[in-house]
Amino acid sequence: RRPVLLVTGHLGNYDAIRGGLIARGYRVGGLYRPMDNAFFNEHYVAAISRIGTPLFPRGRKGLADMLRFLKGGGMVGVVLDQAMGDGAMLRFFGQPALTSLSPAEMALRYDALILPTYGIRRPDGGFDMIVEAPIPHSTAEEMTQALNNSLEAQVRAHMDQWLWTHRRWKMGNRTG
């Protein structure tokens, strides 16, 4: 019944872990970013809802609902490899990258386990579900750097499965 944060990146199928755990009877929610195009967003939410619910849109209400679910002992899947303007300047592939501290901060605040997880595609069309050891609680920055290091190692091992079309290394108003 301890809260769990399942942290991944845009590698393989980031929802494979959530789907696999739901299929095994676990309560797993997902945090998602609503799409800017309302018509596509409707399709997107319907598609990811078929994997399982609850789903929590980024934003005030979604965050409140997600925290209630997490505090009740739920598991929540979070994707980390996005440039966040209010994030900390950490290292990713040897470069400074604005990275959200939110998963680590939630883990510390709610005494949640924080697990790096990956759904790596196999040639036969299935997935290898990788669940790494929990990140030890320390500081939010140290924990998030450990998550970045884990994701970087998985990307290096499966470079052909990393989908990233955004500018991961945006500097915003910060210097690195």
N, C-alpha and C. Protein backbone atom coordinates (compact mmCIF):
# COMPACT_ATOMS: atom_id res chain seq x y z
N ARG A 1 0.82 -1.21 0.00
CA ARG A 1 0.00 0.00 0.00
C ARG A 1 0.86 1.26 0.00
N ARG A 2 2.17 1.14 -0.13
CA ARG A 2 3.03 2.32 -0.18
C ARG A 2 2.92 2.95 -1.56
N PRO A 3 2.86 4.28 -1.63
CA PRO A 3 2.81 4.94 -2.94
C PRO A 3 4.05 4.60 -3.76
N VAL A 4 3.86 4.51 -5.10
CA VAL A 4 4.97 4.19 -5.99
C VAL A 4 4.91 5.10 -7.21
N LEU A 5 6.04 5.70 -7.56
CA LEU A 5 6.19 6.47 -8.78
C LEU A 5 7.01 5.66 -9.76
N LEU A 6 6.43 5.38 -10.92
CA LEU A 6 7.09 4.63 -11.98
C LEU A 6 7.59 5.65 -12.99
N VAL A 7 8.89 5.87 -13.04
CA VAL A 7 9.44 6.94 -13.87
C VAL A 7 10.12 6.35 -15.09
N THR A 8 9.80 6.92 -16.25
CA THR A 8 10.33 6.42 -17.51
C THR A 8 10.65 7.59 -18.42
N GLY A 9 10.96 7.29 -19.65
CA GLY A 9 11.19 8.29 -20.69
C GLY A 9 10.50 7.85 -21.96
N HIS A 10 10.65 8.63 -23.02
CA HIS A 10 10.06 8.30 -24.32
C HIS A 10 10.95 7.26 -25.01
N LEU A 11 10.98 6.08 -24.43
CA LEU A 11 11.84 5.00 -24.88
C LEU A 11 11.00 3.75 -25.00
N GLY A 12 11.10 3.06 -26.14
CA GLY A 12 10.28 1.87 -26.33
C GLY A 12 8.83 2.29 -26.30
N ASN A 13 8.06 1.70 -25.42
CA ASN A 13 6.67 2.11 -25.20
C ASN A 13 6.56 2.48 -23.73
N TYR A 14 6.48 3.77 -23.46
CA TYR A 14 6.47 4.23 -22.08
C TYR A 14 5.21 3.82 -21.32
N ASP A 15 4.17 3.37 -22.02
CA ASP A 15 2.95 2.92 -21.35
C ASP A 15 2.89 1.40 -21.19
N ALA A 16 3.89 0.68 -21.68
CA ALA A 16 3.88 -0.78 -21.57
C ALA A 16 3.93 -1.23 -20.11
N ILE A 17 4.71 -0.54 -19.30
CA ILE A 17 4.80 -0.90 -17.89
C ILE A 17 3.45 -0.71 -17.21
N ARG A 18 2.82 0.44 -17.45
CA ARG A 18 1.52 0.72 -16.85
C ARG A 18 0.52 -0.36 -17.26
N GLY A 19 0.46 -0.66 -18.56
CA GLY A 19 -0.46 -1.68 -19.05
C GLY A 19 -0.17 -3.05 -18.48
N GLY A 20 1.10 -3.41 -18.41
CA GLY A 20 1.48 -4.71 -17.86
C GLY A 20 1.12 -4.87 -16.39
N LEU A 21 1.32 -3.81 -15.63
CA LEU A 21 0.98 -3.88 -14.20
C LEU A 21 -0.53 -3.90 -13.98
N ILE A 22 -1.26 -3.11 -14.77
CA ILE A 22 -2.73 -3.12 -14.67
C ILE A 22 -3.25 -4.52 -15.00
N ALA A 23 -2.68 -5.15 -16.04
CA ALA A 23 -3.10 -6.50 -16.43
C ALA A 23 -2.84 -7.51 -15.31
N ARG A 24 -1.89 -7.21 -14.45
CA ARG A 24 -1.57 -8.10 -13.33
C ARG A 24 -2.34 -7.72 -12.06
N GLY A 25 -3.26 -6.77 -12.17
CA GLY A 25 -4.12 -6.43 -11.04
C GLY A 25 -3.69 -5.26 -10.19
N TYR A 26 -2.64 -4.56 -10.59
CA TYR A 26 -2.19 -3.40 -9.81
C TYR A 26 -2.98 -2.15 -10.18
N ARG A 27 -3.14 -1.26 -9.21
CA ARG A 27 -3.78 0.04 -9.45
C ARG A 27 -2.70 1.01 -9.93
N VAL A 28 -2.72 1.34 -11.21
CA VAL A 28 -1.70 2.21 -11.78
C VAL A 28 -2.38 3.32 -12.57
N GLY A 29 -2.09 4.55 -12.19
CA GLY A 29 -2.57 5.71 -12.92
C GLY A 29 -1.46 6.27 -13.78
N GLY A 30 -1.83 7.17 -14.65
CA GLY A 30 -0.83 7.79 -15.52
C GLY A 30 -1.01 9.30 -15.58
N LEU A 31 0.08 10.01 -15.52
CA LEU A 31 0.10 11.45 -15.71
C LEU A 31 0.35 11.71 -17.18
N TYR A 32 -0.45 12.58 -17.80
CA TYR A 32 -0.23 12.89 -19.21
C TYR A 32 -0.37 14.38 -19.46
N ARG A 33 0.26 14.80 -20.54
CA ARG A 33 0.16 16.18 -20.98
C ARG A 33 -0.91 16.27 -22.05
N PRO A 34 -1.98 17.04 -21.79
CA PRO A 34 -3.02 17.18 -22.81
C PRO A 34 -2.43 17.78 -24.10
N MET A 35 -2.89 17.28 -25.21
CA MET A 35 -2.43 17.78 -26.51
C MET A 35 -3.06 19.15 -26.80
N ASP A 36 -2.34 19.99 -27.52
CA ASP A 36 -2.84 21.33 -27.86
C ASP A 36 -4.04 21.27 -28.79
N ASN A 37 -4.06 20.29 -29.68
CA ASN A 37 -5.16 20.14 -30.62
C ASN A 37 -6.29 19.37 -29.92
N ALA A 38 -7.41 20.03 -29.69
CA ALA A 38 -8.51 19.42 -28.93
C ALA A 38 -9.04 18.15 -29.59
N PHE A 39 -9.10 18.12 -30.91
CA PHE A 39 -9.60 16.93 -31.61
C PHE A 39 -8.65 15.75 -31.44
N PHE A 40 -7.35 16.02 -31.58
CA PHE A 40 -6.38 14.95 -31.38
C PHE A 40 -6.35 14.54 -29.92
N ASN A 41 -6.48 15.49 -29.00
CA ASN A 41 -6.45 15.17 -27.57
C ASN A 41 -7.57 14.18 -27.22
N GLU A 42 -8.74 14.38 -27.78
CA GLU A 42 -9.86 13.46 -27.52
C GLU A 42 -9.48 12.04 -27.94
N HIS A 43 -8.87 11.90 -29.11
CA HIS A 43 -8.42 10.59 -29.60
C HIS A 43 -7.32 10.03 -28.69
N TYR A 44 -6.37 10.87 -28.33
CA TYR A 44 -5.23 10.47 -27.49
C TYR A 44 -5.71 9.95 -26.14
N VAL A 45 -6.58 10.69 -25.47
CA VAL A 45 -7.08 10.29 -24.15
C VAL A 45 -7.88 8.99 -24.25
N ALA A 46 -8.68 8.85 -25.30
CA ALA A 46 -9.44 7.61 -25.49
C ALA A 46 -8.48 6.44 -25.67
N ALA A 47 -7.42 6.63 -26.44
CA ALA A 47 -6.46 5.55 -26.69
C ALA A 47 -5.72 5.14 -25.42
N ILE A 48 -5.22 6.11 -24.67
CA ILE A 48 -4.47 5.73 -23.46
C ILE A 48 -5.40 5.25 -22.35
N SER A 49 -6.67 5.65 -22.40
CA SER A 49 -7.65 5.14 -21.42
C SER A 49 -7.92 3.66 -21.63
N ARG A 50 -7.80 3.19 -22.87
CA ARG A 50 -8.02 1.76 -23.14
C ARG A 50 -6.96 0.89 -22.44
N ILE A 51 -5.79 1.47 -22.19
CA ILE A 51 -4.76 0.74 -21.45
C ILE A 51 -5.20 0.61 -20.00
N GLY A 52 -5.79 1.69 -19.47
CA GLY A 52 -6.27 1.68 -18.09
C GLY A 52 -6.44 3.08 -17.56
N THR A 53 -7.17 3.16 -16.50
CA THR A 53 -7.40 4.43 -15.82
C THR A 53 -7.13 4.19 -14.33
N PRO A 54 -6.92 5.23 -13.58
CA PRO A 54 -7.18 6.64 -13.87
C PRO A 54 -6.03 7.29 -14.63
N LEU A 55 -6.37 8.36 -15.31
CA LEU A 55 -5.40 9.22 -15.98
C LEU A 55 -5.52 10.62 -15.40
N PHE A 56 -4.39 11.29 -15.30
CA PHE A 56 -4.36 12.60 -14.68
C PHE A 56 -3.71 13.61 -15.63
N PRO A 57 -4.49 14.55 -16.16
CA PRO A 57 -3.90 15.57 -17.04
C PRO A 57 -3.03 16.52 -16.22
N ARG A 58 -1.89 16.91 -16.81
CA ARG A 58 -1.07 17.91 -16.13
C ARG A 58 -1.90 19.17 -15.94
N GLY A 59 -1.78 19.74 -14.79
CA GLY A 59 -2.54 20.93 -14.44
C GLY A 59 -3.02 20.81 -13.01
N ARG A 60 -3.63 21.85 -12.49
CA ARG A 60 -4.02 21.94 -11.09
C ARG A 60 -4.94 20.79 -10.65
N LYS A 61 -6.05 20.57 -11.35
CA LYS A 61 -7.00 19.54 -10.95
C LYS A 61 -6.40 18.14 -11.12
N GLY A 62 -5.73 17.91 -12.25
CA GLY A 62 -5.12 16.61 -12.48
C GLY A 62 -4.09 16.28 -11.41
N LEU A 63 -3.28 17.28 -11.03
CA LEU A 63 -2.26 17.06 -10.00
C LEU A 63 -2.92 16.73 -8.66
N ALA A 64 -3.98 17.45 -8.30
CA ALA A 64 -4.68 17.19 -7.04
C ALA A 64 -5.24 15.77 -7.04
N ASP A 65 -5.86 15.36 -8.13
CA ASP A 65 -6.42 14.00 -8.23
C ASP A 65 -5.31 12.95 -8.16
N MET A 66 -4.18 13.22 -8.84
CA MET A 66 -3.07 12.29 -8.85
C MET A 66 -2.48 12.13 -7.45
N LEU A 67 -2.33 13.24 -6.72
CA LEU A 67 -1.76 13.16 -5.37
C LEU A 67 -2.68 12.39 -4.43
N ARG A 68 -3.98 12.57 -4.57
CA ARG A 68 -4.94 11.81 -3.76
C ARG A 68 -4.80 10.30 -4.04
N PHE A 69 -4.69 9.97 -5.32
CA PHE A 69 -4.52 8.57 -5.73
C PHE A 69 -3.20 8.02 -5.19
N LEU A 70 -2.13 8.78 -5.32
CA LEU A 70 -0.81 8.35 -4.86
C LEU A 70 -0.81 8.16 -3.35
N LYS A 71 -1.34 9.12 -2.61
CA LYS A 71 -1.37 9.03 -1.15
C LYS A 71 -2.21 7.85 -0.68
N GLY A 72 -3.16 7.41 -1.50
CA GLY A 72 -3.97 6.24 -1.17
C GLY A 72 -3.26 4.93 -1.47
N GLY A 73 -1.99 4.98 -1.81
CA GLY A 73 -1.21 3.77 -2.07
C GLY A 73 -1.18 3.37 -3.53
N GLY A 74 -1.58 4.27 -4.42
CA GLY A 74 -1.55 3.95 -5.84
C GLY A 74 -0.16 4.07 -6.45
N MET A 75 -0.05 3.57 -7.65
CA MET A 75 1.16 3.71 -8.46
C MET A 75 0.83 4.70 -9.57
N VAL A 76 1.79 5.57 -9.90
CA VAL A 76 1.58 6.55 -10.96
C VAL A 76 2.79 6.52 -11.89
N GLY A 77 2.50 6.42 -13.20
CA GLY A 77 3.55 6.48 -14.21
C GLY A 77 3.80 7.91 -14.64
N VAL A 78 5.09 8.28 -14.69
CA VAL A 78 5.51 9.63 -15.05
C VAL A 78 6.63 9.54 -16.08
N VAL A 79 6.57 10.39 -17.10
CA VAL A 79 7.62 10.46 -18.12
C VAL A 79 8.53 11.65 -17.77
N LEU A 80 9.83 11.41 -17.68
CA LEU A 80 10.76 12.42 -17.16
C LEU A 80 11.51 13.21 -18.22
N ASP A 81 11.70 12.68 -19.42
CA ASP A 81 12.67 13.28 -20.35
C ASP A 81 12.10 14.46 -21.15
N GLN A 82 11.62 15.45 -20.42
CA GLN A 82 11.11 16.66 -21.06
C GLN A 82 11.81 17.86 -20.44
N ALA A 83 12.13 18.84 -21.25
CA ALA A 83 12.72 20.07 -20.74
C ALA A 83 11.66 20.81 -19.95
N MET A 84 11.94 21.12 -18.71
CA MET A 84 10.99 21.83 -17.86
C MET A 84 11.60 23.17 -17.45
N GLY A 85 10.93 24.24 -17.83
CA GLY A 85 11.44 25.58 -17.56
C GLY A 85 11.68 25.85 -16.09
N ASP A 86 10.90 25.20 -15.22
CA ASP A 86 11.08 25.42 -13.79
C ASP A 86 11.87 24.28 -13.15
N GLY A 87 12.53 23.48 -13.97
CA GLY A 87 13.30 22.35 -13.47
C GLY A 87 14.69 22.75 -13.01
N ALA A 88 15.41 21.76 -12.54
CA ALA A 88 16.80 21.95 -12.12
C ALA A 88 17.72 21.65 -13.29
N MET A 89 18.83 22.33 -13.34
CA MET A 89 19.82 22.10 -14.38
C MET A 89 20.67 20.90 -13.97
N LEU A 90 20.34 19.74 -14.55
CA LEU A 90 21.06 18.50 -14.25
C LEU A 90 21.74 18.01 -15.52
N ARG A 91 22.48 16.92 -15.44
CA ARG A 91 23.20 16.39 -16.59
C ARG A 91 22.40 15.28 -17.26
N PHE A 92 22.40 15.32 -18.59
CA PHE A 92 21.80 14.26 -19.38
C PHE A 92 22.63 14.14 -20.65
N PHE A 93 23.22 12.98 -20.88
CA PHE A 93 24.16 12.78 -21.99
C PHE A 93 25.30 13.81 -21.94
N GLY A 94 25.78 14.10 -20.74
CA GLY A 94 26.92 14.99 -20.57
C GLY A 94 26.61 16.47 -20.76
N GLN A 95 25.35 16.81 -20.97
CA GLN A 95 24.96 18.20 -21.21
C GLN A 95 24.00 18.67 -20.13
N PRO A 96 24.01 19.97 -19.82
CA PRO A 96 23.03 20.47 -18.87
C PRO A 96 21.63 20.39 -19.48
N ALA A 97 20.68 19.92 -18.70
CA ALA A 97 19.31 19.75 -19.18
C ALA A 97 18.34 20.12 -18.05
N LEU A 98 17.43 21.03 -18.34
CA LEU A 98 16.41 21.38 -17.36
C LEU A 98 15.53 20.16 -17.13
N THR A 99 15.47 19.70 -15.90
CA THR A 99 14.77 18.46 -15.57
C THR A 99 13.86 18.68 -14.37
N SER A 100 12.63 18.22 -14.49
CA SER A 100 11.66 18.37 -13.40
C SER A 100 12.10 17.58 -12.18
N LEU A 101 12.02 18.21 -11.03
CA LEU A 101 12.30 17.55 -9.76
C LEU A 101 11.02 16.96 -9.15
N SER A 102 9.88 17.19 -9.78
CA SER A 102 8.59 16.82 -9.19
C SER A 102 8.49 15.36 -8.77
N PRO A 103 8.89 14.39 -9.60
CA PRO A 103 8.78 12.99 -9.13
C PRO A 103 9.56 12.75 -7.84
N ALA A 104 10.78 13.24 -7.77
CA ALA A 104 11.59 13.05 -6.56
C ALA A 104 10.99 13.80 -5.38
N GLU A 105 10.51 15.01 -5.60
CA GLU A 105 9.89 15.78 -4.52
C GLU A 105 8.65 15.06 -4.00
N MET A 106 7.85 14.49 -4.90
CA MET A 106 6.66 13.73 -4.46
C MET A 106 7.08 12.49 -3.67
N ALA A 107 8.12 11.81 -4.15
CA ALA A 107 8.59 10.61 -3.46
C ALA A 107 9.02 10.96 -2.03
N LEU A 108 9.72 12.07 -1.89
CA LEU A 108 10.18 12.47 -0.56
C LEU A 108 9.00 12.90 0.31
N ARG A 109 8.10 13.66 -0.24
CA ARG A 109 6.98 14.20 0.55
C ARG A 109 6.02 13.10 1.00
N TYR A 110 5.76 12.12 0.14
CA TYR A 110 4.76 11.09 0.44
C TYR A 110 5.38 9.73 0.76
N ASP A 111 6.69 9.70 1.00
CA ASP A 111 7.41 8.47 1.30
C ASP A 111 7.11 7.39 0.26
N ALA A 112 7.15 7.79 -0.99
CA ALA A 112 6.87 6.87 -2.10
C ALA A 112 8.15 6.23 -2.60
N LEU A 113 8.03 5.00 -3.07
CA LEU A 113 9.12 4.40 -3.82
C LEU A 113 9.19 5.10 -5.17
N ILE A 114 10.37 5.25 -5.69
CA ILE A 114 10.53 5.83 -7.03
C ILE A 114 11.37 4.85 -7.83
N LEU A 115 10.74 4.28 -8.88
CA LEU A 115 11.36 3.21 -9.65
C LEU A 115 11.57 3.62 -11.10
N PRO A 116 12.79 3.52 -11.60
CA PRO A 116 12.99 3.67 -13.05
C PRO A 116 12.39 2.45 -13.75
N THR A 117 11.57 2.68 -14.76
CA THR A 117 10.90 1.59 -15.47
C THR A 117 10.93 1.85 -16.97
N TYR A 118 11.00 0.76 -17.75
CA TYR A 118 11.09 0.89 -19.21
C TYR A 118 10.37 -0.27 -19.88
N GLY A 119 9.66 0.03 -20.95
CA GLY A 119 9.03 -0.98 -21.78
C GLY A 119 9.79 -1.06 -23.09
N ILE A 120 10.75 -1.96 -23.18
CA ILE A 120 11.63 -2.07 -24.34
C ILE A 120 11.03 -3.04 -25.36
N ARG A 121 10.90 -2.58 -26.59
CA ARG A 121 10.32 -3.40 -27.67
C ARG A 121 11.24 -4.56 -28.03
N ARG A 122 10.63 -5.73 -28.21
CA ARG A 122 11.35 -6.91 -28.69
C ARG A 122 11.07 -7.09 -30.17
N PRO A 123 11.93 -7.78 -30.89
CA PRO A 123 11.70 -8.01 -32.32
C PRO A 123 10.40 -8.76 -32.61
N ASP A 124 9.92 -9.57 -31.66
CA ASP A 124 8.68 -10.34 -31.90
C ASP A 124 7.42 -9.51 -31.67
N GLY A 125 7.58 -8.22 -31.35
CA GLY A 125 6.43 -7.35 -31.14
C GLY A 125 6.02 -7.21 -29.69
N GLY A 126 6.60 -7.98 -28.81
CA GLY A 126 6.31 -7.87 -27.38
C GLY A 126 7.22 -6.85 -26.72
N PHE A 127 7.20 -6.85 -25.41
CA PHE A 127 8.01 -5.90 -24.65
C PHE A 127 8.72 -6.58 -23.51
N ASP A 128 9.93 -6.15 -23.26
CA ASP A 128 10.63 -6.51 -22.03
C ASP A 128 10.32 -5.40 -21.05
N MET A 129 9.77 -5.77 -19.91
CA MET A 129 9.45 -4.78 -18.89
C MET A 129 10.60 -4.73 -17.89
N ILE A 130 11.29 -3.62 -17.90
CA ILE A 130 12.44 -3.43 -17.02
C ILE A 130 12.01 -2.55 -15.85
N VAL A 131 12.17 -3.08 -14.65
CA VAL A 131 11.91 -2.32 -13.43
C VAL A 131 13.21 -2.36 -12.63
N GLU A 132 13.85 -1.21 -12.52
CA GLU A 132 15.12 -1.14 -11.81
C GLU A 132 14.88 -0.98 -10.31
N ALA A 133 15.95 -1.10 -9.55
CA ALA A 133 15.87 -0.93 -8.09
C ALA A 133 15.39 0.48 -7.75
N PRO A 134 14.70 0.62 -6.63
CA PRO A 134 14.25 1.95 -6.22
C PRO A 134 15.43 2.91 -6.07
N ILE A 135 15.17 4.16 -6.41
CA ILE A 135 16.16 5.21 -6.20
C ILE A 135 16.13 5.54 -4.70
N PRO A 136 17.26 5.46 -4.02
CA PRO A 136 17.25 5.77 -2.58
C PRO A 136 16.87 7.23 -2.34
N HIS A 137 16.14 7.46 -1.27
CA HIS A 137 15.78 8.83 -0.91
C HIS A 137 17.02 9.58 -0.45
N SER A 138 17.21 10.76 -1.01
CA SER A 138 18.30 11.66 -0.62
C SER A 138 17.77 13.07 -0.84
N THR A 139 18.41 13.83 -1.74
CA THR A 139 17.85 15.13 -2.12
C THR A 139 17.11 14.96 -3.45
N ALA A 140 16.19 15.86 -3.72
CA ALA A 140 15.46 15.78 -4.99
C ALA A 140 16.41 15.85 -6.17
N GLU A 141 17.46 16.68 -6.07
CA GLU A 141 18.42 16.81 -7.17
C GLU A 141 19.19 15.52 -7.38
N GLU A 142 19.68 14.90 -6.30
CA GLU A 142 20.44 13.66 -6.42
C GLU A 142 19.57 12.53 -6.96
N MET A 143 18.34 12.45 -6.49
CA MET A 143 17.43 11.40 -6.95
C MET A 143 17.12 11.59 -8.44
N THR A 144 16.87 12.83 -8.85
CA THR A 144 16.54 13.09 -10.25
C THR A 144 17.74 12.85 -11.14
N GLN A 145 18.94 13.18 -10.67
CA GLN A 145 20.13 12.88 -11.46
C GLN A 145 20.27 11.37 -11.64
N ALA A 146 19.96 10.60 -10.59
CA ALA A 146 20.01 9.14 -10.71
C ALA A 146 19.00 8.65 -11.75
N LEU A 147 17.82 9.28 -11.80
CA LEU A 147 16.83 8.92 -12.83
C LEU A 147 17.35 9.27 -14.22
N ASN A 148 17.96 10.46 -14.37
CA ASN A 148 18.56 10.83 -15.66
C ASN A 148 19.63 9.83 -16.06
N ASN A 149 20.47 9.42 -15.11
CA ASN A 149 21.54 8.46 -15.41
C ASN A 149 20.97 7.12 -15.85
N SER A 150 19.90 6.68 -15.19
CA SER A 150 19.25 5.42 -15.56
C SER A 150 18.69 5.51 -16.98
N LEU A 151 17.96 6.58 -17.25
CA LEU A 151 17.38 6.75 -18.59
C LEU A 151 18.48 6.83 -19.65
N GLU A 152 19.52 7.57 -19.38
CA GLU A 152 20.62 7.68 -20.34
C GLU A 152 21.21 6.30 -20.65
N ALA A 153 21.41 5.47 -19.62
CA ALA A 153 21.96 4.13 -19.84
C ALA A 153 21.02 3.29 -20.70
N GLN A 154 19.72 3.39 -20.46
CA GLN A 154 18.75 2.63 -21.27
C GLN A 154 18.70 3.15 -22.71
N VAL A 155 18.77 4.47 -22.87
CA VAL A 155 18.78 5.03 -24.22
C VAL A 155 20.02 4.57 -24.97
N ARG A 156 21.17 4.60 -24.31
CA ARG A 156 22.41 4.13 -24.96
C ARG A 156 22.29 2.67 -25.37
N ALA A 157 21.62 1.86 -24.56
CA ALA A 157 21.46 0.44 -24.87
C ALA A 157 20.41 0.19 -25.95
N HIS A 158 19.48 1.14 -26.14
CA HIS A 158 18.37 0.97 -27.08
C HIS A 158 18.13 2.27 -27.85
N MET A 159 19.19 2.82 -28.41
CA MET A 159 19.13 4.13 -29.06
C MET A 159 18.04 4.20 -30.13
N ASP A 160 17.82 3.09 -30.82
CA ASP A 160 16.81 3.09 -31.88
C ASP A 160 15.38 3.19 -31.34
N GLN A 161 15.20 3.08 -30.04
CA GLN A 161 13.87 3.13 -29.47
C GLN A 161 13.57 4.43 -28.72
N TRP A 162 14.50 5.37 -28.76
CA TRP A 162 14.27 6.64 -28.07
C TRP A 162 13.62 7.61 -29.03
N LEU A 163 12.41 8.01 -28.72
CA LEU A 163 11.67 8.96 -29.54
C LEU A 163 11.73 10.32 -28.86
N TRP A 164 12.46 11.21 -29.46
CA TRP A 164 12.51 12.54 -28.88
C TRP A 164 12.61 13.56 -29.99
N THR A 165 11.54 14.28 -30.18
CA THR A 165 11.50 15.26 -31.25
C THR A 165 11.56 16.69 -30.73
N HIS A 166 11.54 16.84 -29.41
CA HIS A 166 11.59 18.18 -28.82
C HIS A 166 13.02 18.56 -28.49
N ARG A 167 13.23 19.80 -28.15
CA ARG A 167 14.56 20.27 -27.77
C ARG A 167 14.80 19.95 -26.30
N ARG A 168 15.39 18.80 -26.02
CA ARG A 168 15.62 18.35 -24.65
C ARG A 168 16.59 19.25 -23.90
N TRP A 169 17.50 19.86 -24.62
CA TRP A 169 18.54 20.63 -23.96
C TRP A 169 18.30 22.13 -24.06
N LYS A 170 17.04 22.55 -24.02
CA LYS A 170 16.72 23.99 -24.00
C LYS A 170 17.35 24.61 -22.77
N MET A 171 17.84 25.79 -22.93
CA MET A 171 18.47 26.45 -21.79
C MET A 171 17.53 27.44 -21.11
N GLY A 172 16.43 27.83 -21.75
CA GLY A 172 15.53 28.80 -21.14
C GLY A 172 16.27 30.07 -20.80
N ASN A 173 16.06 30.58 -19.60
CA ASN A 173 16.75 31.77 -19.14
C ASN A 173 17.94 31.43 -18.27
N ARG A 174 18.32 30.18 -18.27
CA ARG A 174 19.41 29.73 -17.40
C ARG A 174 20.67 29.50 -18.22
N THR A 175 21.75 29.43 -17.53
CA THR A 175 23.01 29.10 -18.18
C THR A 175 23.48 27.78 -17.64
N GLY A 176 24.23 27.04 -18.41
CA GLY A 176 24.67 25.73 -17.95
C GLY A 176 26.11 25.61 -18.19
